[in-house]
């Protein structure tokens, strides 16, 4: 399973509406699949690069909050 560490994956397209919308990268898909598996959430293979980055950050936050509450 890929290492889960806090790092922003947000691409410049999030801040620049003129950047083209691209499908998520392979490394994002692998990490997102792993995070979805661990959290029991559904993996969406149709996310854009920016959407995947946001989803990864949200799932990491959820995992961190869960581990801190134990």
PDB file of N, CA and C in Angstrom:
ATOM      1  N   UNK A   1       0.846  -1.173   0.000  1.00  0.00           N
ATOM      2  CA  UNK A   1       0.000   0.000   0.000  1.00  0.00           C
ATOM      3  C   UNK A   1       0.895   1.241   0.000  1.00  0.00           C
ATOM      4  N   UNK A   2       0.533   2.272  -0.783  1.00  0.00           N
ATOM      5  CA  UNK A   2       1.341   3.494  -0.816  1.00  0.00           C
ATOM      6  C   UNK A   2       1.389   4.163   0.551  1.00  0.00           C
ATOM      7  N   UNK A   3       2.483   4.837   0.813  1.00  0.00           N
ATOM      8  CA  UNK A   3       2.640   5.545   2.080  1.00  0.00           C
ATOM      9  C   UNK A   3       1.621   6.671   2.163  1.00  0.00           C
ATOM     10  N   UNK A   4       1.001   6.825   3.320  1.00  0.00           N
ATOM     11  CA  UNK A   4       0.004   7.871   3.527  1.00  0.00           C
ATOM     12  C   UNK A   4       0.646   8.962   4.362  1.00  0.00           C
ATOM     13  N   UNK A   5       1.007  10.050   3.702  1.00  0.00           N
ATOM     14  CA  UNK A   5       1.570  11.181   4.423  1.00  0.00           C
ATOM     15  C   UNK A   5       0.903  12.452   3.934  1.00  0.00           C
ATOM     16  N   UNK A   6       0.901  13.446   4.752  1.00  0.00           N
ATOM     17  CA  UNK A   6       0.215  14.699   4.444  1.00  0.00           C
ATOM     18  C   UNK A   6       1.029  15.494   3.451  1.00  0.00           C
ATOM     19  N   UNK A   7       0.463  15.711   2.292  1.00  0.00           N
ATOM     20  CA  UNK A   7       1.116  16.492   1.257  1.00  0.00           C
ATOM     21  C   UNK A   7       0.029  16.959   0.312  1.00  0.00           C
ATOM     22  N   UNK A   8       0.047  18.194  -0.062  1.00  0.00           N
ATOM     23  CA  UNK A   8      -0.975  18.686  -0.971  1.00  0.00           C
ATOM     24  C   UNK A   8      -0.692  18.221  -2.384  1.00  0.00           C
ATOM     25  N   UNK A   9      -1.698  17.631  -3.014  1.00  0.00           N
ATOM     26  CA  UNK A   9      -1.605  17.204  -4.403  1.00  0.00           C
ATOM     27  C   UNK A   9      -2.316  18.182  -5.325  1.00  0.00           C
ATOM     28  N   UNK A  10      -2.776  19.297  -4.792  1.00  0.00           N
ATOM     29  CA  UNK A  10      -3.553  20.227  -5.574  1.00  0.00           C
ATOM     30  C   UNK A  10      -2.700  20.831  -6.677  1.00  0.00           C
ATOM     31  N   UNK A  11      -3.201  20.742  -7.875  1.00  0.00           N
ATOM     32  CA  UNK A  11      -2.473  21.228  -9.041  1.00  0.00           C
ATOM     33  C   UNK A  11      -2.813  22.691  -9.292  1.00  0.00           C
ATOM     34  N   UNK A  12      -2.056  23.334 -10.161  1.00  0.00           N
ATOM     35  CA  UNK A  12      -2.264  24.741 -10.454  1.00  0.00           C
ATOM     36  C   UNK A  12      -3.630  25.010 -11.064  1.00  0.00           C
ATOM     37  N   UNK A  13      -4.262  24.004 -11.664  1.00  0.00           N
ATOM     38  CA  UNK A  13      -5.577  24.196 -12.271  1.00  0.00           C
ATOM     39  C   UNK A  13      -6.615  24.625 -11.243  1.00  0.00           C
ATOM     40  N   UNK A  14      -6.405  24.285  -9.984  1.00  0.00           N
ATOM     41  CA  UNK A  14      -7.354  24.676  -8.945  1.00  0.00           C
ATOM     42  C   UNK A  14      -7.400  26.193  -8.801  1.00  0.00           C
ATOM     43  N   UNK A  15      -6.283  26.847  -9.071  1.00  0.00           N
ATOM     44  CA  UNK A  15      -6.199  28.292  -8.928  1.00  0.00           C
ATOM     45  C   UNK A  15      -6.275  29.024 -10.262  1.00  0.00           C
ATOM     46  N   UNK A  16      -6.225  28.289 -11.363  1.00  0.00           N
ATOM     47  CA  UNK A  16      -6.204  28.902 -12.671  1.00  0.00           C
ATOM     48  C   UNK A  16      -7.279  28.272 -13.550  1.00  0.00           C
ATOM     49  N   UNK A  17      -8.393  28.975 -13.781  1.00  0.00           N
ATOM     50  CA  UNK A  17      -9.479  28.397 -14.561  1.00  0.00           C
ATOM     51  C   UNK A  17      -9.123  28.165 -16.024  1.00  0.00           C
ATOM     52  N   UNK A  18      -7.981  28.686 -16.477  1.00  0.00           N
ATOM     53  CA  UNK A  18      -7.579  28.511 -17.864  1.00  0.00           C
ATOM     54  C   UNK A  18      -6.737  27.260 -18.084  1.00  0.00           C
ATOM     55  N   UNK A  19      -6.362  26.580 -17.007  1.00  0.00           N
ATOM     56  CA  UNK A  19      -5.623  25.320 -17.124  1.00  0.00           C
ATOM     57  C   UNK A  19      -6.585  24.248 -17.620  1.00  0.00           C
ATOM     58  N   UNK A  20      -6.123  23.369 -18.483  1.00  0.00           N
ATOM     59  CA  UNK A  20      -7.017  22.306 -18.963  1.00  0.00           C
ATOM     60  C   UNK A  20      -7.372  21.325 -17.850  1.00  0.00           C
ATOM     61  N   UNK A  21      -8.549  20.759 -17.930  1.00  0.00           N
ATOM     62  CA  UNK A  21      -8.995  19.755 -16.962  1.00  0.00           C
ATOM     63  C   UNK A  21      -8.439  18.415 -17.428  1.00  0.00           C
ATOM     64  N   UNK A  22      -7.689  17.768 -16.558  1.00  0.00           N
ATOM     65  CA  UNK A  22      -7.078  16.493 -16.917  1.00  0.00           C
ATOM     66  C   UNK A  22      -7.526  15.409 -15.949  1.00  0.00           C
ATOM     67  N   UNK A  23      -7.530  14.194 -16.456  1.00  0.00           N
ATOM     68  CA  UNK A  23      -7.877  13.033 -15.646  1.00  0.00           C
ATOM     69  C   UNK A  23      -6.807  12.850 -14.572  1.00  0.00           C
ATOM     70  N   UNK A  24      -7.186  12.271 -13.438  1.00  0.00           N
ATOM     71  CA  UNK A  24      -6.214  12.073 -12.358  1.00  0.00           C
ATOM     72  C   UNK A  24      -5.020  11.251 -12.840  1.00  0.00           C
ATOM     73  N   UNK A  25      -3.882  11.520 -12.223  1.00  0.00           N
ATOM     74  CA  UNK A  25      -2.639  10.813 -12.559  1.00  0.00           C
ATOM     75  C   UNK A  25      -2.674   9.402 -11.991  1.00  0.00           C
ATOM     76  N   UNK A  26      -1.825   8.547 -12.502  1.00  0.00           N
ATOM     77  CA  UNK A  26      -1.746   7.159 -12.044  1.00  0.00           C
ATOM     78  C   UNK A  26      -1.385   7.085 -10.559  1.00  0.00           C
ATOM     79  N   UNK A  27      -0.430   7.913 -10.123  1.00  0.00           N
ATOM     80  CA  UNK A  27      -0.047   7.881  -8.709  1.00  0.00           C
ATOM     81  C   UNK A  27      -1.194   8.336  -7.815  1.00  0.00           C
ATOM     82  N   UNK A  28      -1.993   9.291  -8.282  1.00  0.00           N
ATOM     83  CA  UNK A  28      -3.159   9.715  -7.514  1.00  0.00           C
ATOM     84  C   UNK A  28      -4.179   8.583  -7.425  1.00  0.00           C
ATOM     85  N   UNK A  29      -4.408   7.897  -8.541  1.00  0.00           N
ATOM     86  CA  UNK A  29      -5.386   6.804  -8.567  1.00  0.00           C
ATOM     87  C   UNK A  29      -4.978   5.700  -7.600  1.00  0.00           C
ATOM     88  N   UNK A  30      -3.695   5.359  -7.577  1.00  0.00           N
ATOM     89  CA  UNK A  30      -3.217   4.307  -6.672  1.00  0.00           C
ATOM     90  C   UNK A  30      -3.403   4.704  -5.211  1.00  0.00           C
ATOM     91  N   UNK A  31      -3.031   5.925  -4.888  1.00  0.00           N
ATOM     92  CA  UNK A  31      -3.176   6.395  -3.508  1.00  0.00           C
ATOM     93  C   UNK A  31      -4.647   6.505  -3.127  1.00  0.00           C
ATOM     94  N   UNK A  32      -5.450   7.026  -4.023  1.00  0.00           N
ATOM     95  CA  UNK A  32      -6.876   7.175  -3.742  1.00  0.00           C
ATOM     96  C   UNK A  32      -7.547   5.823  -3.552  1.00  0.00           C
ATOM     97  N   UNK A  33      -7.178   4.834  -4.356  1.00  0.00           N
ATOM     98  CA  UNK A  33      -7.731   3.471  -4.185  1.00  0.00           C
ATOM     99  C   UNK A  33      -7.394   2.943  -2.796  1.00  0.00           C
ATOM    100  N   UNK A  34      -6.144   3.131  -2.385  1.00  0.00           N
ATOM    101  CA  UNK A  34      -5.713   2.649  -1.068  1.00  0.00           C
ATOM    102  C   UNK A  34      -6.474   3.369   0.052  1.00  0.00           C
ATOM    103  N   UNK A  35      -6.604   4.678  -0.055  1.00  0.00           N
ATOM    104  CA  UNK A  35      -7.319   5.443   0.967  1.00  0.00           C
ATOM    105  C   UNK A  35      -8.799   5.058   1.016  1.00  0.00           C
ATOM    106  N   UNK A  36      -9.391   4.854  -0.137  1.00  0.00           N
ATOM    107  CA  UNK A  36     -10.795   4.433  -0.181  1.00  0.00           C
ATOM    108  C   UNK A  36     -10.965   3.060   0.460  1.00  0.00           C
ATOM    109  N   UNK A  37     -10.032   2.178   0.201  1.00  0.00           N
ATOM    110  CA  UNK A  37     -10.088   0.842   0.798  1.00  0.00           C
ATOM    111  C   UNK A  37     -10.017   0.931   2.328  1.00  0.00           C
ATOM    112  N   UNK A  38      -9.076   1.711   2.827  1.00  0.00           N
ATOM    113  CA  UNK A  38      -8.879   1.843   4.277  1.00  0.00           C
ATOM    114  C   UNK A  38     -10.078   2.505   4.940  1.00  0.00           C
ATOM    115  N   UNK A  39     -10.666   3.491   4.276  1.00  0.00           N
ATOM    116  CA  UNK A  39     -11.783   4.224   4.884  1.00  0.00           C
ATOM    117  C   UNK A  39     -13.144   3.625   4.560  1.00  0.00           C
ATOM    118  N   UNK A  40     -13.174   2.630   3.671  1.00  0.00           N
ATOM    119  CA  UNK A  40     -14.438   2.002   3.319  1.00  0.00           C
ATOM    120  C   UNK A  40     -15.322   2.856   2.438  1.00  0.00           C
ATOM    121  N   UNK A  41     -14.704   3.750   1.688  1.00  0.00           N
ATOM    122  CA  UNK A  41     -15.465   4.613   0.784  1.00  0.00           C
ATOM    123  C   UNK A  41     -15.279   4.148  -0.657  1.00  0.00           C
ATOM    124  N   UNK A  42     -16.154   4.621  -1.511  1.00  0.00           N
ATOM    125  CA  UNK A  42     -16.130   4.206  -2.907  1.00  0.00           C
ATOM    126  C   UNK A  42     -15.065   4.968  -3.691  1.00  0.00           C
ATOM    127  N   UNK A  43     -14.346   4.255  -4.547  1.00  0.00           N
ATOM    128  CA  UNK A  43     -13.345   4.857  -5.421  1.00  0.00           C
ATOM    129  C   UNK A  43     -14.024   5.319  -6.707  1.00  0.00           C
ATOM    130  N   UNK A  44     -13.810   6.567  -7.087  1.00  0.00           N
ATOM    131  CA  UNK A  44     -14.376   7.120  -8.317  1.00  0.00           C
ATOM    132  C   UNK A  44     -13.255   7.313  -9.322  1.00  0.00           C
ATOM    133  N   UNK A  45     -13.227   6.486 -10.340  1.00  0.00           N
ATOM    134  CA  UNK A  45     -12.136   6.516 -11.322  1.00  0.00           C
ATOM    135  C   UNK A  45     -12.261   7.662 -12.322  1.00  0.00           C
ATOM    136  N   UNK A  46     -13.331   8.406 -12.256  1.00  0.00           N
ATOM    137  CA  UNK A  46     -13.553   9.472 -13.234  1.00  0.00           C
ATOM    138  C   UNK A  46     -13.183  10.866 -12.727  1.00  0.00           C
ATOM    139  N   UNK A  47     -12.540  10.951 -11.574  1.00  0.00           N
ATOM    140  CA  UNK A  47     -12.176  12.255 -11.022  1.00  0.00           C
ATOM    141  C   UNK A  47     -11.096  12.926 -11.864  1.00  0.00           C
ATOM    142  N   UNK A  48     -11.128  14.244 -11.852  1.00  0.00           N
ATOM    143  CA  UNK A  48     -10.056  15.010 -12.499  1.00  0.00           C
ATOM    144  C   UNK A  48      -8.852  15.045 -11.562  1.00  0.00           C
ATOM    145  N   UNK A  49      -7.769  15.567 -12.050  1.00  0.00           N
ATOM    146  CA  UNK A  49      -6.554  15.680 -11.244  1.00  0.00           C
ATOM    147  C   UNK A  49      -6.802  16.524  -9.991  1.00  0.00           C
ATOM    148  N   UNK A  50      -7.502  17.619 -10.161  1.00  0.00           N
ATOM    149  CA  UNK A  50      -7.788  18.513  -9.030  1.00  0.00           C
ATOM    150  C   UNK A  50      -8.780  17.873  -8.066  1.00  0.00           C
ATOM    151  N   UNK A  51      -9.830  17.246  -8.595  1.00  0.00           N
ATOM    152  CA  UNK A  51     -10.808  16.583  -7.732  1.00  0.00           C
ATOM    153  C   UNK A  51     -10.165  15.450  -6.939  1.00  0.00           C
ATOM    154  N   UNK A  52      -9.284  14.707  -7.587  1.00  0.00           N
ATOM    155  CA  UNK A  52      -8.590  13.616  -6.900  1.00  0.00           C
ATOM    156  C   UNK A  52      -7.716  14.162  -5.776  1.00  0.00           C
ATOM    157  N   UNK A  53      -7.031  15.253  -6.033  1.00  0.00           N
ATOM    158  CA  UNK A  53      -6.177  15.866  -5.013  1.00  0.00           C
ATOM    159  C   UNK A  53      -7.002  16.289  -3.802  1.00  0.00           C
ATOM    160  N   UNK A  54      -8.150  16.886  -4.053  1.00  0.00           N
ATOM    161  CA  UNK A  54      -9.022  17.310  -2.961  1.00  0.00           C
ATOM    162  C   UNK A  54      -9.556  16.113  -2.191  1.00  0.00           C
ATOM    163  N   UNK A  55      -9.939  15.057  -2.907  1.00  0.00           N
ATOM    164  CA  UNK A  55     -10.464  13.845  -2.259  1.00  0.00           C
ATOM    165  C   UNK A  55      -9.390  13.190  -1.404  1.00  0.00           C
ATOM    166  N   UNK A  56      -8.167  13.137  -1.923  1.00  0.00           N
ATOM    167  CA  UNK A  56      -7.042  12.566  -1.174  1.00  0.00           C
ATOM    168  C   UNK A  56      -6.821  13.353   0.119  1.00  0.00           C
ATOM    169  N   UNK A  57      -6.793  14.660   0.008  1.00  0.00           N
ATOM    170  CA  UNK A  57      -6.605  15.496   1.205  1.00  0.00           C
ATOM    171  C   UNK A  57      -7.717  15.271   2.222  1.00  0.00           C
ATOM    172  N   UNK A  58      -8.966  15.178   1.752  1.00  0.00           N
ATOM    173  CA  UNK A  58     -10.101  14.956   2.659  1.00  0.00           C
ATOM    174  C   UNK A  58     -10.017  13.598   3.344  1.00  0.00           C
ATOM    175  N   UNK A  59      -9.667  12.561   2.594  1.00  0.00           N
ATOM    176  CA  UNK A  59      -9.556  11.231   3.193  1.00  0.00           C
ATOM    177  C   UNK A  59      -8.398  11.161   4.180  1.00  0.00           C
ATOM    178  N   UNK A  60      -7.293  11.816   3.870  1.00  0.00           N
ATOM    179  CA  UNK A  60      -6.165  11.866   4.810  1.00  0.00           C
ATOM    180  C   UNK A  60      -6.569  12.563   6.096  1.00  0.00           C
ATOM    181  N   UNK A  61      -7.298  13.663   5.960  1.00  0.00           N
ATOM    182  CA  UNK A  61      -7.774  14.380   7.150  1.00  0.00           C
ATOM    183  C   UNK A  61      -8.687  13.489   7.987  1.00  0.00           C
ATOM    184  N   UNK A  62      -9.573  12.755   7.326  1.00  0.00           N
ATOM    185  CA  UNK A  62     -10.489  11.854   8.033  1.00  0.00           C
ATOM    186  C   UNK A  62      -9.716  10.789   8.794  1.00  0.00           C
ATOM    187  N   UNK A  63      -8.708  10.206   8.149  1.00  0.00           N
ATOM    188  CA  UNK A  63      -7.898   9.181   8.806  1.00  0.00           C
ATOM    189  C   UNK A  63      -7.124   9.754   9.986  1.00  0.00           C
ATOM    190  N   UNK A  64      -6.584  10.961   9.800  1.00  0.00           N
ATOM    191  CA  UNK A  64      -5.825  11.586  10.885  1.00  0.00           C
ATOM    192  C   UNK A  64      -6.745  11.891  12.061  1.00  0.00           C
ATOM    193  N   UNK A  65      -7.934  12.397  11.801  1.00  0.00           N
ATOM    194  CA  UNK A  65      -8.891  12.691  12.870  1.00  0.00           C
ATOM    195  C   UNK A  65      -9.311  11.414  13.593  1.00  0.00           C
ATOM    196  N   UNK A  66      -9.505  10.342  12.846  1.00  0.00           N
ATOM    197  CA  UNK A  66      -9.892   9.079  13.437  1.00  0.00           C
ATOM    198  C   UNK A  66      -8.793   8.533  14.340  1.00  0.00           C
ATOM    199  N   UNK A  67      -7.555   8.620  13.882  1.00  0.00           N
ATOM    200  CA  UNK A  67      -6.444   8.093  14.685  1.00  0.00           C
ATOM    201  C   UNK A  67      -6.197   8.940  15.936  1.00  0.00           C
ATOM    202  N   UNK A  68      -6.473  10.232  15.873  1.00  0.00           N
ATOM    203  CA  UNK A  68      -6.288  11.104  17.031  1.00  0.00           C
ATOM    204  C   UNK A  68      -7.386  10.909  18.068  1.00  0.00           C
ATOM    205  N   UNK A  69      -8.555  10.458  17.627  1.00  0.00           N
ATOM    206  CA  UNK A  69      -9.664  10.302  18.562  1.00  0.00           C
ATOM    207  C   UNK A  69      -9.579   8.973  19.339  1.00  0.00           C
ATOM    208  N   UNK A  70      -8.640   8.140  18.970  1.00  0.00           N
ATOM    209  CA  UNK A  70      -8.505   6.848  19.667  1.00  0.00           C
ATOM    210  C   UNK A  70      -7.614   6.932  20.857  1.00  0.00           C
TER     211      UNK A  70
END
